[in-house]
Structures are given as structure tokens and as C-alpha cells.
Amino acid sequence: MISLEESEQSLTEHEWQTFANSIDYPIPESFKEFYLQHNGGYLEPLFVDGEEYAPLIHGFMPITYGSLTIEQLMIDMQYAWDILQEVCIPFASDAGGNSFLLRIVPQHYGEVVVWLEEEESIIPCRHSFAELLEDLPYY
């Protein structure tokens, strides 16, 4: 089971529904289940043979609670949606500040991509949020 540090206040079903209703497309069930369990937070460091390695994801952004929420990121990243010509859900970041995005438009539904901030482009990451979670340490 994944363990996150510094998670925000847990979401109620009503708070989740308010968030989901603000999005124009359905949200994958695995994403909902994760956020009802973990409202943001940071992965514990990964140690292999005594050496620390940065996990793929540095931290998950919270919904509703906290200083930098998914809702605020969706507003802040409006320029990215103009470049991509689609709206995504920014839900996590890596140690370098790049954002993990959940694609929700029908032709790419559920795919996870990484928004490379400096290049203003995306690279594929995983076919689904569930696949991304399976690839995280301790999950």
C-alpha cells in the first residue's frame, strides 16, 4: 500500500462530487479511489542498497484543501491547455517541477502524460492512472 507524507484533509464524497462536477469529462474510477484515500502528499524516499533514489513522482497535489490545489493548478496552467488544445487534470509533479497530467478527453481518456515545463510539451508516461500507481514503490 502506498504511503504518503503530509496529505491534506480527507475529501468527503460530496467534496469529490463537487470537484468532479467542475470537470467537463468523466474522471477514471482509479483516480477517484486514490483521492478519496489520499488527498495529495509526498512519497517517502526510496532507498536501494543504502542509497536514496527520487521516485518517479515527487508529490501529489491535493483537491480543495492546501495551498496549491489541483483546482488552482488547472487555472494556472491555462497556457498549457492552449498549447495542448485540451484540458487535463494536473495531479502530481516530479522533483524537477514537471507536472503529471491526467488526460480526460475521449480520444486519450485516462492516459497519463508529463508536461515538460521548459519545453512546453508533453511526453507519454503511462496508459492509465492505475498503471502509474502500480509502478510506484510501495504500492
N, C-alpha and C. Protein backbone atom coordinates (compact mmCIF):
# COMPACT_ATOMS: atom_id res chain seq x y z
N MET A 1 0.84 -1.18 0.00
CA MET A 1 0.00 0.00 0.00
C MET A 1 0.88 1.24 0.00
N ILE A 2 0.53 2.20 -0.80
CA ILE A 2 1.30 3.44 -0.90
C ILE A 2 1.17 4.24 0.40
N SER A 3 2.25 4.88 0.77
CA SER A 3 2.25 5.71 1.97
C SER A 3 2.68 7.11 1.56
N LEU A 4 1.84 8.09 1.85
CA LEU A 4 2.15 9.48 1.52
C LEU A 4 2.31 10.28 2.80
N GLU A 5 3.28 11.18 2.78
CA GLU A 5 3.50 12.08 3.90
C GLU A 5 2.83 13.42 3.59
N GLU A 6 2.40 14.11 4.62
CA GLU A 6 1.84 15.46 4.52
C GLU A 6 0.61 15.54 3.61
N SER A 7 -0.25 14.53 3.65
CA SER A 7 -1.51 14.60 2.91
C SER A 7 -2.39 15.66 3.54
N GLU A 8 -3.27 16.24 2.74
CA GLU A 8 -4.22 17.23 3.24
C GLU A 8 -5.43 16.53 3.83
N GLN A 9 -6.35 17.32 4.35
CA GLN A 9 -7.58 16.80 4.93
C GLN A 9 -8.28 15.89 3.93
N SER A 10 -8.81 14.78 4.42
CA SER A 10 -9.51 13.83 3.55
C SER A 10 -10.73 14.47 2.91
N LEU A 11 -11.01 14.02 1.69
CA LEU A 11 -12.19 14.51 0.98
C LEU A 11 -13.42 13.71 1.38
N THR A 12 -14.54 14.39 1.46
CA THR A 12 -15.81 13.69 1.62
C THR A 12 -16.31 13.32 0.23
N GLU A 13 -17.27 12.44 0.17
CA GLU A 13 -17.87 12.08 -1.12
C GLU A 13 -18.47 13.33 -1.78
N HIS A 14 -19.08 14.20 -0.98
CA HIS A 14 -19.67 15.43 -1.50
C HIS A 14 -18.59 16.35 -2.10
N GLU A 15 -17.45 16.49 -1.41
CA GLU A 15 -16.36 17.32 -1.93
C GLU A 15 -15.80 16.74 -3.22
N TRP A 16 -15.68 15.41 -3.27
CA TRP A 16 -15.23 14.78 -4.51
C TRP A 16 -16.21 15.09 -5.64
N GLN A 17 -17.50 14.94 -5.37
CA GLN A 17 -18.51 15.16 -6.40
C GLN A 17 -18.50 16.60 -6.89
N THR A 18 -18.28 17.54 -5.98
CA THR A 18 -18.17 18.95 -6.38
C THR A 18 -17.00 19.14 -7.33
N PHE A 19 -15.86 18.54 -7.00
CA PHE A 19 -14.69 18.61 -7.88
C PHE A 19 -15.00 17.96 -9.23
N ALA A 20 -15.52 16.75 -9.21
CA ALA A 20 -15.81 16.01 -10.44
C ALA A 20 -16.79 16.76 -11.32
N ASN A 21 -17.77 17.41 -10.72
CA ASN A 21 -18.76 18.17 -11.49
C ASN A 21 -18.16 19.40 -12.15
N SER A 22 -17.02 19.87 -11.64
CA SER A 22 -16.37 21.04 -12.23
C SER A 22 -15.56 20.69 -13.48
N ILE A 23 -15.40 19.41 -13.73
CA ILE A 23 -14.65 18.92 -14.89
C ILE A 23 -15.66 18.53 -15.97
N ASP A 24 -15.38 18.87 -17.21
CA ASP A 24 -16.33 18.62 -18.30
C ASP A 24 -16.38 17.18 -18.77
N TYR A 25 -15.50 16.34 -18.28
CA TYR A 25 -15.42 14.95 -18.73
C TYR A 25 -15.43 14.02 -17.53
N PRO A 26 -15.80 12.75 -17.74
CA PRO A 26 -15.73 11.80 -16.62
C PRO A 26 -14.28 11.60 -16.16
N ILE A 27 -14.13 11.26 -14.90
CA ILE A 27 -12.80 11.03 -14.32
C ILE A 27 -12.67 9.55 -14.01
N PRO A 28 -11.53 8.92 -14.36
CA PRO A 28 -11.36 7.49 -14.10
C PRO A 28 -11.59 7.11 -12.64
N GLU A 29 -12.20 5.97 -12.44
CA GLU A 29 -12.53 5.48 -11.10
C GLU A 29 -11.28 5.31 -10.24
N SER A 30 -10.17 4.87 -10.83
CA SER A 30 -8.94 4.68 -10.05
C SER A 30 -8.44 6.00 -9.48
N PHE A 31 -8.64 7.08 -10.21
CA PHE A 31 -8.25 8.41 -9.74
C PHE A 31 -9.12 8.81 -8.55
N LYS A 32 -10.42 8.58 -8.68
CA LYS A 32 -11.35 8.89 -7.59
C LYS A 32 -10.99 8.09 -6.33
N GLU A 33 -10.80 6.79 -6.48
CA GLU A 33 -10.48 5.94 -5.33
C GLU A 33 -9.21 6.40 -4.63
N PHE A 34 -8.19 6.75 -5.43
CA PHE A 34 -6.93 7.22 -4.86
C PHE A 34 -7.14 8.49 -4.05
N TYR A 35 -7.85 9.45 -4.63
CA TYR A 35 -8.02 10.74 -3.96
C TYR A 35 -8.96 10.68 -2.77
N LEU A 36 -9.86 9.73 -2.74
CA LEU A 36 -10.68 9.57 -1.54
C LEU A 36 -9.86 8.94 -0.41
N GLN A 37 -8.78 8.24 -0.77
CA GLN A 37 -7.87 7.66 0.24
C GLN A 37 -6.75 8.60 0.62
N HIS A 38 -6.18 9.27 -0.38
CA HIS A 38 -5.01 10.13 -0.18
C HIS A 38 -5.28 11.47 -0.86
N ASN A 39 -5.45 12.50 -0.11
CA ASN A 39 -5.67 13.82 -0.72
C ASN A 39 -4.34 14.56 -0.82
N GLY A 40 -3.56 14.16 -1.81
CA GLY A 40 -2.25 14.75 -2.01
C GLY A 40 -1.22 14.18 -1.04
N GLY A 41 -0.01 14.69 -1.14
CA GLY A 41 1.06 14.24 -0.26
C GLY A 41 2.30 13.85 -1.04
N TYR A 42 3.33 13.53 -0.29
CA TYR A 42 4.64 13.22 -0.87
C TYR A 42 4.99 11.76 -0.62
N LEU A 43 5.62 11.15 -1.61
CA LEU A 43 6.10 9.78 -1.45
C LEU A 43 7.31 9.77 -0.52
N GLU A 44 7.41 8.72 0.27
CA GLU A 44 8.59 8.56 1.11
C GLU A 44 9.79 8.29 0.21
N PRO A 45 10.99 8.71 0.63
CA PRO A 45 12.18 8.44 -0.18
C PRO A 45 12.37 6.94 -0.37
N LEU A 46 12.93 6.58 -1.50
CA LEU A 46 13.20 5.19 -1.83
C LEU A 46 14.69 4.93 -1.64
N PHE A 47 15.01 3.92 -0.85
CA PHE A 47 16.41 3.57 -0.61
C PHE A 47 16.70 2.20 -1.20
N VAL A 48 17.76 2.12 -2.00
CA VAL A 48 18.21 0.86 -2.58
C VAL A 48 19.68 0.71 -2.24
N ASP A 49 20.01 -0.37 -1.55
CA ASP A 49 21.38 -0.60 -1.10
C ASP A 49 21.95 0.61 -0.36
N GLY A 50 21.12 1.24 0.46
CA GLY A 50 21.56 2.35 1.28
C GLY A 50 21.61 3.69 0.57
N GLU A 51 21.29 3.72 -0.73
CA GLU A 51 21.32 4.98 -1.47
C GLU A 51 19.90 5.45 -1.74
N GLU A 52 19.70 6.77 -1.60
CA GLU A 52 18.38 7.34 -1.81
C GLU A 52 18.15 7.63 -3.30
N TYR A 53 16.98 7.23 -3.79
CA TYR A 53 16.59 7.50 -5.17
C TYR A 53 15.30 8.30 -5.16
N ALA A 54 15.20 9.24 -6.07
CA ALA A 54 13.96 10.02 -6.19
C ALA A 54 12.93 9.17 -6.91
N PRO A 55 11.74 9.02 -6.33
CA PRO A 55 10.69 8.28 -7.03
C PRO A 55 10.24 9.04 -8.27
N LEU A 56 9.57 8.34 -9.17
CA LEU A 56 9.05 8.95 -10.39
C LEU A 56 8.25 10.20 -10.07
N ILE A 57 7.39 10.10 -9.06
CA ILE A 57 6.56 11.23 -8.64
C ILE A 57 7.08 11.75 -7.31
N HIS A 58 7.29 13.05 -7.25
CA HIS A 58 7.74 13.67 -6.00
C HIS A 58 6.56 13.89 -5.06
N GLY A 59 5.47 14.44 -5.60
CA GLY A 59 4.32 14.70 -4.76
C GLY A 59 3.03 14.77 -5.55
N PHE A 60 1.94 14.41 -4.87
CA PHE A 60 0.60 14.51 -5.44
C PHE A 60 -0.05 15.79 -4.93
N MET A 61 -0.72 16.51 -5.80
CA MET A 61 -1.41 17.73 -5.42
C MET A 61 -2.77 17.39 -4.79
N PRO A 62 -3.20 18.16 -3.80
CA PRO A 62 -4.49 17.89 -3.17
C PRO A 62 -5.65 18.52 -3.93
N ILE A 63 -6.83 18.08 -3.60
CA ILE A 63 -8.07 18.67 -4.09
C ILE A 63 -8.68 19.45 -2.93
N THR A 64 -9.13 20.65 -3.20
CA THR A 64 -9.88 21.51 -2.27
C THR A 64 -9.03 22.09 -1.14
N TYR A 65 -8.25 21.28 -0.43
CA TYR A 65 -7.50 21.73 0.74
C TYR A 65 -6.02 21.90 0.41
N GLY A 66 -5.38 22.88 1.04
CA GLY A 66 -3.95 23.08 0.84
C GLY A 66 -3.67 24.35 0.07
N SER A 67 -2.39 24.68 -0.03
CA SER A 67 -2.00 25.95 -0.66
C SER A 67 -1.92 25.86 -2.18
N LEU A 68 -1.65 24.69 -2.72
CA LEU A 68 -1.58 24.53 -4.18
C LEU A 68 -2.43 23.33 -4.56
N THR A 69 -3.68 23.60 -4.88
CA THR A 69 -4.63 22.54 -5.18
C THR A 69 -4.69 22.25 -6.67
N ILE A 70 -5.26 21.12 -7.00
CA ILE A 70 -5.49 20.78 -8.41
C ILE A 70 -6.34 21.85 -9.07
N GLU A 71 -7.36 22.32 -8.37
CA GLU A 71 -8.23 23.35 -8.94
C GLU A 71 -7.43 24.60 -9.31
N GLN A 72 -6.52 25.03 -8.43
CA GLN A 72 -5.71 26.21 -8.72
C GLN A 72 -4.73 25.94 -9.86
N LEU A 73 -4.15 24.75 -9.88
CA LEU A 73 -3.23 24.40 -10.97
C LEU A 73 -3.94 24.40 -12.32
N MET A 74 -5.18 23.96 -12.35
CA MET A 74 -5.92 23.95 -13.61
C MET A 74 -6.10 25.37 -14.14
N ILE A 75 -6.27 26.32 -13.25
CA ILE A 75 -6.37 27.73 -13.65
C ILE A 75 -4.99 28.25 -14.07
N ASP A 76 -3.97 27.98 -13.26
CA ASP A 76 -2.62 28.47 -13.53
C ASP A 76 -2.05 27.92 -14.83
N MET A 77 -2.47 26.72 -15.22
CA MET A 77 -1.91 26.07 -16.41
C MET A 77 -2.73 26.33 -17.66
N GLN A 78 -3.55 27.36 -17.66
CA GLN A 78 -4.39 27.66 -18.82
C GLN A 78 -3.56 27.77 -20.10
N TYR A 79 -2.35 28.35 -20.00
CA TYR A 79 -1.49 28.47 -21.17
C TYR A 79 -1.17 27.09 -21.76
N ALA A 80 -1.01 26.09 -20.89
CA ALA A 80 -0.70 24.74 -21.37
C ALA A 80 -1.88 24.16 -22.14
N TRP A 81 -3.10 24.43 -21.65
CA TRP A 81 -4.28 23.90 -22.35
C TRP A 81 -4.37 24.52 -23.73
N ASP A 82 -3.98 25.78 -23.87
CA ASP A 82 -3.99 26.42 -25.18
C ASP A 82 -2.99 25.74 -26.11
N ILE A 83 -1.83 25.39 -25.60
CA ILE A 83 -0.82 24.71 -26.41
C ILE A 83 -1.27 23.29 -26.76
N LEU A 84 -1.78 22.57 -25.77
CA LEU A 84 -2.20 21.18 -25.98
C LEU A 84 -3.53 21.07 -26.70
N GLN A 85 -4.31 22.13 -26.69
CA GLN A 85 -5.66 22.15 -27.24
C GLN A 85 -6.55 21.12 -26.56
N GLU A 86 -6.34 20.93 -25.28
CA GLU A 86 -7.19 20.09 -24.45
C GLU A 86 -6.94 20.44 -22.99
N VAL A 87 -7.91 20.14 -22.16
CA VAL A 87 -7.77 20.34 -20.72
C VAL A 87 -7.42 19.01 -20.08
N CYS A 88 -6.46 19.02 -19.17
CA CYS A 88 -6.05 17.83 -18.43
C CYS A 88 -6.14 18.15 -16.94
N ILE A 89 -6.03 17.12 -16.12
CA ILE A 89 -6.01 17.32 -14.68
C ILE A 89 -4.56 17.19 -14.20
N PRO A 90 -3.95 18.30 -13.75
CA PRO A 90 -2.59 18.24 -13.21
C PRO A 90 -2.65 17.70 -11.78
N PHE A 91 -2.06 16.54 -11.53
CA PHE A 91 -2.26 15.90 -10.23
C PHE A 91 -0.98 15.64 -9.45
N ALA A 92 0.17 15.77 -10.08
CA ALA A 92 1.42 15.47 -9.38
C ALA A 92 2.57 16.19 -10.07
N SER A 93 3.73 16.17 -9.40
CA SER A 93 4.93 16.75 -10.00
C SER A 93 6.13 15.87 -9.69
N ASP A 94 7.16 16.02 -10.52
CA ASP A 94 8.40 15.31 -10.24
C ASP A 94 9.34 16.26 -9.50
N ALA A 95 10.52 15.79 -9.16
CA ALA A 95 11.46 16.61 -8.39
C ALA A 95 11.94 17.82 -9.17
N GLY A 96 11.82 17.80 -10.50
CA GLY A 96 12.26 18.91 -11.33
C GLY A 96 11.18 19.93 -11.62
N GLY A 97 9.98 19.73 -11.09
CA GLY A 97 8.90 20.69 -11.29
C GLY A 97 8.02 20.43 -12.50
N ASN A 98 8.25 19.33 -13.20
CA ASN A 98 7.37 18.97 -14.31
C ASN A 98 6.08 18.39 -13.75
N SER A 99 4.98 18.57 -14.48
CA SER A 99 3.67 18.16 -13.99
C SER A 99 3.18 16.89 -14.65
N PHE A 100 2.58 16.02 -13.85
CA PHE A 100 1.90 14.83 -14.36
C PHE A 100 0.45 15.22 -14.62
N LEU A 101 -0.03 14.91 -15.82
CA LEU A 101 -1.38 15.29 -16.22
C LEU A 101 -2.20 14.05 -16.54
N LEU A 102 -3.45 14.06 -16.11
CA LEU A 102 -4.40 13.01 -16.46
C LEU A 102 -5.23 13.53 -17.62
N ARG A 103 -5.14 12.82 -18.75
CA ARG A 103 -5.91 13.23 -19.93
C ARG A 103 -7.33 12.72 -19.79
N ILE A 104 -8.30 13.57 -20.07
CA ILE A 104 -9.70 13.21 -19.86
C ILE A 104 -10.55 13.36 -21.10
N VAL A 105 -9.96 13.81 -22.21
CA VAL A 105 -10.73 13.90 -23.46
C VAL A 105 -10.92 12.50 -24.02
N PRO A 106 -12.03 12.26 -24.71
CA PRO A 106 -12.35 10.89 -25.15
C PRO A 106 -11.24 10.17 -25.92
N GLN A 107 -10.56 10.83 -26.85
CA GLN A 107 -9.57 10.13 -27.67
C GLN A 107 -8.31 9.73 -26.89
N HIS A 108 -8.09 10.30 -25.72
CA HIS A 108 -6.92 9.96 -24.89
C HIS A 108 -7.32 9.67 -23.46
N TYR A 109 -8.55 9.27 -23.25
CA TYR A 109 -9.12 9.15 -21.91
C TYR A 109 -8.27 8.28 -20.97
N GLY A 110 -7.92 8.86 -19.84
CA GLY A 110 -7.22 8.13 -18.79
C GLY A 110 -5.72 8.06 -18.91
N GLU A 111 -5.16 8.49 -20.04
CA GLU A 111 -3.70 8.45 -20.20
C GLU A 111 -3.02 9.44 -19.26
N VAL A 112 -1.83 9.09 -18.83
CA VAL A 112 -1.02 9.99 -18.01
C VAL A 112 0.16 10.45 -18.86
N VAL A 113 0.35 11.76 -18.90
CA VAL A 113 1.48 12.35 -19.62
C VAL A 113 2.21 13.28 -18.66
N VAL A 114 3.43 13.64 -19.04
CA VAL A 114 4.21 14.59 -18.25
C VAL A 114 4.35 15.87 -19.06
N TRP A 115 3.97 16.98 -18.43
CA TRP A 115 4.13 18.29 -19.04
C TRP A 115 5.52 18.80 -18.69
N LEU A 116 6.37 18.92 -19.73
CA LEU A 116 7.73 19.42 -19.54
C LEU A 116 7.66 20.94 -19.58
N GLU A 117 7.82 21.54 -18.44
CA GLU A 117 7.62 22.98 -18.28
C GLU A 117 8.50 23.80 -19.22
N GLU A 118 9.79 23.52 -19.24
CA GLU A 118 10.71 24.33 -20.04
C GLU A 118 10.47 24.17 -21.54
N GLU A 119 10.15 22.96 -21.97
CA GLU A 119 9.94 22.71 -23.40
C GLU A 119 8.52 23.02 -23.85
N GLU A 120 7.61 23.21 -22.89
CA GLU A 120 6.19 23.41 -23.17
C GLU A 120 5.66 22.32 -24.09
N SER A 121 5.90 21.08 -23.68
CA SER A 121 5.43 19.94 -24.45
C SER A 121 5.14 18.79 -23.50
N ILE A 122 4.52 17.74 -24.03
CA ILE A 122 4.21 16.57 -23.21
C ILE A 122 4.96 15.35 -23.73
N ILE A 123 5.20 14.43 -22.80
CA ILE A 123 5.73 13.12 -23.18
C ILE A 123 4.81 12.07 -22.55
N PRO A 124 4.62 10.94 -23.22
CA PRO A 124 3.78 9.89 -22.64
C PRO A 124 4.42 9.34 -21.37
N CYS A 125 3.58 8.92 -20.44
CA CYS A 125 4.07 8.35 -19.19
C CYS A 125 3.49 6.95 -18.99
N ARG A 126 2.17 6.84 -18.84
CA ARG A 126 1.50 5.55 -18.64
C ARG A 126 0.16 5.58 -19.36
N HIS A 127 -0.35 4.38 -19.66
CA HIS A 127 -1.64 4.27 -20.35
C HIS A 127 -2.81 4.62 -19.45
N SER A 128 -2.61 4.55 -18.13
CA SER A 128 -3.70 4.85 -17.21
C SER A 128 -3.14 5.27 -15.85
N PHE A 129 -4.01 5.88 -15.05
CA PHE A 129 -3.63 6.25 -13.69
C PHE A 129 -3.36 5.01 -12.86
N ALA A 130 -4.18 3.97 -13.05
CA ALA A 130 -3.97 2.71 -12.32
C ALA A 130 -2.60 2.12 -12.62
N GLU A 131 -2.19 2.16 -13.89
CA GLU A 131 -0.87 1.64 -14.27
C GLU A 131 0.24 2.46 -13.61
N LEU A 132 0.06 3.77 -13.55
CA LEU A 132 1.05 4.62 -12.89
C LEU A 132 1.19 4.24 -11.42
N LEU A 133 0.06 4.04 -10.74
CA LEU A 133 0.11 3.66 -9.33
C LEU A 133 0.81 2.33 -9.13
N GLU A 134 0.57 1.37 -10.02
CA GLU A 134 1.21 0.06 -9.91
C GLU A 134 2.72 0.16 -10.03
N ASP A 135 3.21 1.15 -10.76
CA ASP A 135 4.65 1.32 -10.96
C ASP A 135 5.34 2.10 -9.85
N LEU A 136 4.56 2.63 -8.91
CA LEU A 136 5.17 3.38 -7.81
C LEU A 136 5.68 2.42 -6.74
N PRO A 137 6.77 2.79 -6.06
CA PRO A 137 7.25 1.93 -4.98
C PRO A 137 6.23 1.87 -3.85
N TYR A 138 6.18 0.75 -3.19
CA TYR A 138 5.33 0.54 -2.01
C TYR A 138 3.85 0.42 -2.35
N TYR A 139 3.47 0.38 -3.62
CA TYR A 139 2.03 0.32 -3.91
C TYR A 139 1.56 -1.11 -3.95
